[in-house]
Amino acid sequence: MSFVGLPDSRDYAGAVTDSAGAAIPVFQTDLATAQLGLLATDAFTKAASTTAFGAAAFLAIALIATLFVRPARVPVVPNAEAVER
């Protein structure tokens, strides 16, 4: 999904995978560290999922909190003429 003037979400996903997950394939190519590469892949996936869930929960709490925000009360200023009398 993309909005006018904003990059596509797949571009962001690719950037994150290319930066944060760039070390994982290096581990997977070496037989001595292949198991570590599989564990790192699983951990990276779970971390991304947990982060997305946390962000969604935070937004839901913020949305609910906005329902309890009351409008500001306008202070009542007495009429200047009535005060002078």
C-alpha atoms as a PDB file:
ATOM      1  CA  MET A   1       0.000   0.000   0.000  1.00  0.00           C
ATOM      2  CA  SER A   2       1.374   3.377  -0.922  1.00  0.00           C
ATOM      3  CA  PHE A   3       0.119   6.906  -0.509  1.00  0.00           C
ATOM      4  CA  VAL A   4       0.888   9.726  -2.876  1.00  0.00           C
ATOM      5  CA  GLY A   5       4.368  11.049  -2.177  1.00  0.00           C
ATOM      6  CA  LEU A   6       5.317   8.266   0.254  1.00  0.00           C
ATOM      7  CA  PRO A   7       7.461   5.216  -0.513  1.00  0.00           C
ATOM      8  CA  ASP A   8       5.840   1.809  -0.690  1.00  0.00           C
ATOM      9  CA  SER A   9       5.890  -0.263   2.522  1.00  0.00           C
ATOM     10  CA  ARG A  10       7.831  -2.971   0.673  1.00  0.00           C
ATOM     11  CA  ASP A  11      10.668  -0.465   0.290  1.00  0.00           C
ATOM     12  CA  TYR A  12      10.796  -0.060   4.060  1.00  0.00           C
ATOM     13  CA  ALA A  13      10.669  -3.817   4.615  1.00  0.00           C
ATOM     14  CA  GLY A  14      13.520  -4.273   2.183  1.00  0.00           C
ATOM     15  CA  ALA A  15      15.585  -1.570   3.870  1.00  0.00           C
ATOM     16  CA  VAL A  16      15.117  -3.137   7.294  1.00  0.00           C
ATOM     17  CA  THR A  17      15.949  -6.605   6.027  1.00  0.00           C
ATOM     18  CA  ASP A  18      18.989  -5.330   4.168  1.00  0.00           C
ATOM     19  CA  SER A  19      20.327  -3.462   7.183  1.00  0.00           C
ATOM     20  CA  ALA A  20      19.324  -5.304  10.347  1.00  0.00           C
ATOM     21  CA  GLY A  21      19.109  -8.761   8.829  1.00  0.00           C
ATOM     22  CA  ALA A  22      22.167  -8.487   6.593  1.00  0.00           C
ATOM     23  CA  ALA A  23      24.373 -10.575   8.905  1.00  0.00           C
ATOM     24  CA  ILE A  24      22.048 -13.563   9.002  1.00  0.00           C
ATOM     25  CA  PRO A  25      22.834 -14.982   5.526  1.00  0.00           C
ATOM     26  CA  VAL A  26      26.554 -14.848   6.366  1.00  0.00           C
ATOM     27  CA  PHE A  27      25.940 -17.234   9.242  1.00  0.00           C
ATOM     28  CA  GLN A  28      23.836 -19.529   7.063  1.00  0.00           C
ATOM     29  CA  THR A  29      26.517 -19.972   4.390  1.00  0.00           C
ATOM     30  CA  ASP A  30      29.108 -21.435   6.781  1.00  0.00           C
ATOM     31  CA  LEU A  31      28.434 -25.002   7.944  1.00  0.00           C
ATOM     32  CA  ALA A  32      29.912 -24.259  11.370  1.00  0.00           C
ATOM     33  CA  THR A  33      27.407 -21.460  11.987  1.00  0.00           C
ATOM     34  CA  ALA A  34      24.424 -22.726   9.955  1.00  0.00           C
ATOM     35  CA  GLN A  35      22.417 -23.583  13.073  1.00  0.00           C
ATOM     36  CA  LEU A  36      23.116 -20.114  14.450  1.00  0.00           C
ATOM     37  CA  GLY A  37      21.848 -18.657  11.168  1.00  0.00           C
ATOM     38  CA  LEU A  38      18.572 -20.565  11.471  1.00  0.00           C
ATOM     39  CA  LEU A  39      18.141 -19.436  15.068  1.00  0.00           C
ATOM     40  CA  ALA A  40      18.927 -15.843  14.100  1.00  0.00           C
ATOM     41  CA  THR A  41      16.354 -15.974  11.298  1.00  0.00           C
ATOM     42  CA  ASP A  42      13.701 -17.237  13.700  1.00  0.00           C
ATOM     43  CA  ALA A  43      14.632 -14.649  16.335  1.00  0.00           C
ATOM     44  CA  PHE A  44      14.556 -11.828  13.773  1.00  0.00           C
ATOM     45  CA  THR A  45      11.092 -12.888  12.604  1.00  0.00           C
ATOM     46  CA  LYS A  46       9.741 -13.160  16.147  1.00  0.00           C
ATOM     47  CA  ALA A  47      11.248  -9.806  17.118  1.00  0.00           C
ATOM     48  CA  ALA A  48       9.630  -8.090  14.132  1.00  0.00           C
ATOM     49  CA  SER A  49       6.299  -9.705  14.974  1.00  0.00           C
ATOM     50  CA  THR A  50       6.521  -8.708  18.646  1.00  0.00           C
ATOM     51  CA  THR A  51       7.443  -5.152  17.712  1.00  0.00           C
ATOM     52  CA  ALA A  52       4.494  -4.877  15.339  1.00  0.00           C
ATOM     53  CA  PHE A  53       2.138  -6.228  18.014  1.00  0.00           C
ATOM     54  CA  GLY A  54       3.528  -3.790  20.591  1.00  0.00           C
ATOM     55  CA  ALA A  55       3.086  -0.860  18.230  1.00  0.00           C
ATOM     56  CA  ALA A  56      -0.500  -1.897  17.471  1.00  0.00           C
ATOM     57  CA  ALA A  57      -1.254  -2.233  21.198  1.00  0.00           C
ATOM     58  CA  PHE A  58       0.237   1.218  21.868  1.00  0.00           C
ATOM     59  CA  LEU A  59      -1.915   2.756  19.129  1.00  0.00           C
ATOM     60  CA  ALA A  60      -5.025   1.031  20.480  1.00  0.00           C
ATOM     61  CA  ILE A  61      -4.352   2.366  23.988  1.00  0.00           C
ATOM     62  CA  ALA A  62      -3.762   5.847  22.594  1.00  0.00           C
ATOM     63  CA  LEU A  63      -7.020   5.677  20.644  1.00  0.00           C
ATOM     64  CA  ILE A  64      -8.959   4.617  23.735  1.00  0.00           C
ATOM     65  CA  ALA A  65      -7.284   7.360  25.770  1.00  0.00           C
ATOM     66  CA  THR A  66      -8.488   9.992  23.307  1.00  0.00           C
ATOM     67  CA  LEU A  67     -12.068   8.972  24.058  1.00  0.00           C
ATOM     68  CA  PHE A  68     -11.584  10.157  27.649  1.00  0.00           C
ATOM     69  CA  VAL A  69     -10.180  13.568  26.746  1.00  0.00           C
ATOM     70  CA  ARG A  70     -12.722  16.232  27.581  1.00  0.00           C
ATOM     71  CA  PRO A  71     -12.924  19.561  25.825  1.00  0.00           C
ATOM     72  CA  ALA A  72     -11.377  22.472  27.662  1.00  0.00           C
ATOM     73  CA  ARG A  73     -13.774  24.535  29.695  1.00  0.00           C
ATOM     74  CA  VAL A  74     -13.990  28.167  28.677  1.00  0.00           C
ATOM     75  CA  PRO A  75     -13.637  30.384  31.743  1.00  0.00           C
ATOM     76  CA  VAL A  76     -16.605  32.624  32.365  1.00  0.00           C
ATOM     77  CA  VAL A  77     -15.523  36.247  32.305  1.00  0.00           C
ATOM     78  CA  PRO A  78     -17.973  38.557  34.076  1.00  0.00           C
ATOM     79  CA  ASN A  79     -19.383  41.396  32.114  1.00  0.00           C
ATOM     80  CA  ALA A  80     -17.228  44.479  32.719  1.00  0.00           C
ATOM     81  CA  GLU A  81     -20.275  46.757  32.968  1.00  0.00           C
ATOM     82  CA  ALA A  82     -21.891  44.580  35.626  1.00  0.00           C
ATOM     83  CA  VAL A  83     -18.704  44.589  37.719  1.00  0.00           C
ATOM     84  CA  GLU A  84     -18.433  48.414  37.671  1.00  0.00           C
ATOM     85  CA  ARG A  85     -21.936  48.973  39.049  1.00  0.00           C
END
